[in-house]
C-alpha atoms as a PDB file:
ATOM      1  CA  MET A   1     -27.292  -5.450 -16.784  1.00  0.00           C
ATOM      2  CA  LYS A   2     -26.270  -1.884 -15.903  1.00  0.00           C
ATOM      3  CA  ASP A   3     -27.654  -0.291 -12.686  1.00  0.00           C
ATOM      4  CA  THR A   4     -27.515   3.405 -11.742  1.00  0.00           C
ATOM      5  CA  ILE A   5     -25.997   4.237  -8.487  1.00  0.00           C
ATOM      6  CA  THR A   6     -26.266   7.723  -6.819  1.00  0.00           C
ATOM      7  CA  ILE A   7     -23.445   9.022  -4.670  1.00  0.00           C
ATOM      8  CA  ARG A   8     -22.775  12.161  -2.716  1.00  0.00           C
ATOM      9  CA  LEU A   9     -19.451  13.958  -3.190  1.00  0.00           C
ATOM     10  CA  THR A  10     -17.983  16.708  -1.183  1.00  0.00           C
ATOM     11  CA  GLU A  11     -17.609  19.869  -3.104  1.00  0.00           C
ATOM     12  CA  LYS A  12     -13.777  19.463  -3.096  1.00  0.00           C
ATOM     13  CA  LEU A  13     -14.097  15.853  -4.543  1.00  0.00           C
ATOM     14  CA  GLN A  14     -16.468  16.971  -7.134  1.00  0.00           C
ATOM     15  CA  LYS A  15     -14.164  19.710  -8.343  1.00  0.00           C
ATOM     16  CA  GLU A  16     -11.328  17.400  -8.463  1.00  0.00           C
ATOM     17  CA  LEU A  17     -13.432  14.849 -10.444  1.00  0.00           C
ATOM     18  CA  ASP A  18     -14.457  17.615 -12.988  1.00  0.00           C
ATOM     19  CA  ALA A  19     -10.806  18.578 -13.347  1.00  0.00           C
ATOM     20  CA  VAL A  20      -9.978  14.967 -14.262  1.00  0.00           C
ATOM     21  CA  VAL A  21     -13.041  14.642 -16.559  1.00  0.00           C
ATOM     22  CA  THR A  22     -12.031  17.878 -18.402  1.00  0.00           C
ATOM     23  CA  LYS A  23      -8.360  16.865 -18.790  1.00  0.00           C
ATOM     24  CA  GLU A  24      -8.999  13.422 -19.972  1.00  0.00           C
ATOM     25  CA  HIS A  25     -12.037  14.193 -22.078  1.00  0.00           C
ATOM     26  CA  ALA A  26     -13.912  11.412 -20.326  1.00  0.00           C
ATOM     27  CA  SER A  27     -17.357  11.236 -18.573  1.00  0.00           C
ATOM     28  CA  ARG A  28     -17.722  11.328 -14.738  1.00  0.00           C
ATOM     29  CA  SER A  29     -19.103   7.772 -15.070  1.00  0.00           C
ATOM     30  CA  GLU A  30     -16.029   6.572 -16.892  1.00  0.00           C
ATOM     31  CA  VAL A  31     -13.645   8.112 -14.328  1.00  0.00           C
ATOM     32  CA  ILE A  32     -15.651   6.786 -11.321  1.00  0.00           C
ATOM     33  CA  ARG A  33     -16.111   3.385 -12.946  1.00  0.00           C
ATOM     34  CA  GLU A  34     -12.252   3.032 -13.481  1.00  0.00           C
ATOM     35  CA  ALA A  35     -11.567   4.308  -9.950  1.00  0.00           C
ATOM     36  CA  LEU A  36     -14.065   1.710  -8.502  1.00  0.00           C
ATOM     37  CA  GLU A  37     -12.504  -1.096 -10.610  1.00  0.00           C
ATOM     38  CA  ARG A  38      -8.934  -0.202  -9.385  1.00  0.00           C
ATOM     39  CA  TYR A  39     -10.144   0.099  -5.797  1.00  0.00           C
ATOM     40  CA  LEU A  40     -11.875  -3.308  -5.928  1.00  0.00           C
ATOM     41  CA  ALA A  41      -8.875  -5.007  -7.625  1.00  0.00           C
ATOM     42  CA  LEU A  42      -6.516  -3.651  -4.895  1.00  0.00           C
ATOM     43  CA  LYS A  43      -8.982  -4.746  -2.196  1.00  0.00           C
ATOM     44  CA  LYS A  44      -8.995  -8.342  -3.703  1.00  0.00           C
ATOM     45  CA  TYR A  45      -5.136  -8.292  -3.972  1.00  0.00           C
ATOM     46  CA  ARG A  46      -4.727  -7.320  -0.380  1.00  0.00           C
ATOM     47  CA  GLN A  47      -7.203  -9.961   0.709  1.00  0.00           C
ATOM     48  CA  LEU A  48      -5.303 -12.624  -1.261  1.00  0.00           C
ATOM     49  CA  ARG A  49      -1.999 -11.407  -0.138  1.00  0.00           C
ATOM     50  CA  LYS A  50      -3.085 -11.598   3.514  1.00  0.00           C
ATOM     51  CA  LYS A  51      -4.297 -15.235   2.966  1.00  0.00           C
ATOM     52  CA  VAL A  52      -1.152 -16.470   1.228  1.00  0.00           C
ATOM     53  CA  LEU A  53       1.323 -14.541   3.417  1.00  0.00           C
ATOM     54  CA  PRO A  54       1.690 -17.249   6.152  1.00  0.00           C
ATOM     55  CA  PHE A  55       2.528 -19.795   3.395  1.00  0.00           C
ATOM     56  CA  ALA A  56       5.052 -17.505   1.833  1.00  0.00           C
ATOM     57  CA  GLU A  57       6.725 -16.776   5.056  1.00  0.00           C
ATOM     58  CA  ALA A  58       7.039 -20.475   5.744  1.00  0.00           C
ATOM     59  CA  GLN A  59       9.041 -20.750   2.562  1.00  0.00           C
ATOM     60  CA  GLY A  60      11.261 -17.910   3.496  1.00  0.00           C
ATOM     61  CA  LEU A  61       9.698 -15.482   1.132  1.00  0.00           C
ATOM     62  CA  LEU A  62       9.591 -12.302   3.440  1.00  0.00           C
ATOM     63  CA  SER A  63       9.586  -9.477   0.969  1.00  0.00           C
ATOM     64  CA  ASP A  64       8.468  -8.630  -2.601  1.00  0.00           C
ATOM     65  CA  GLU A  65      12.145  -8.933  -3.588  1.00  0.00           C
ATOM     66  CA  ASP A  66      12.326 -12.489  -2.227  1.00  0.00           C
ATOM     67  CA  ILE A  67       9.315 -13.500  -4.411  1.00  0.00           C
ATOM     68  CA  PHE A  68      10.640 -11.725  -7.599  1.00  0.00           C
ATOM     69  CA  LYS A  69      13.968 -13.616  -6.978  1.00  0.00           C
ATOM     70  CA  ALA A  70      12.160 -16.885  -6.625  1.00  0.00           C
ATOM     71  CA  VAL A  71       9.999 -16.353  -9.755  1.00  0.00           C
ATOM     72  CA  SER A  72      12.905 -15.195 -11.934  1.00  0.00           C
END
């Protein structure tokens, strides 16, 4: 089910949004939906990372490079 949500934008943000909409030949809804999806995915990633970080540090995985080396 799709719901309608109303948001208020500053004039500057609205102009930036309209510039992206024009450049990408997309609708405002598409651009805002994509931005929200990315924002929520990033929030989820940060929450998960925060939760797993103590376990990773206990294994000596202190940086992203350490993790990439362990996985490779």
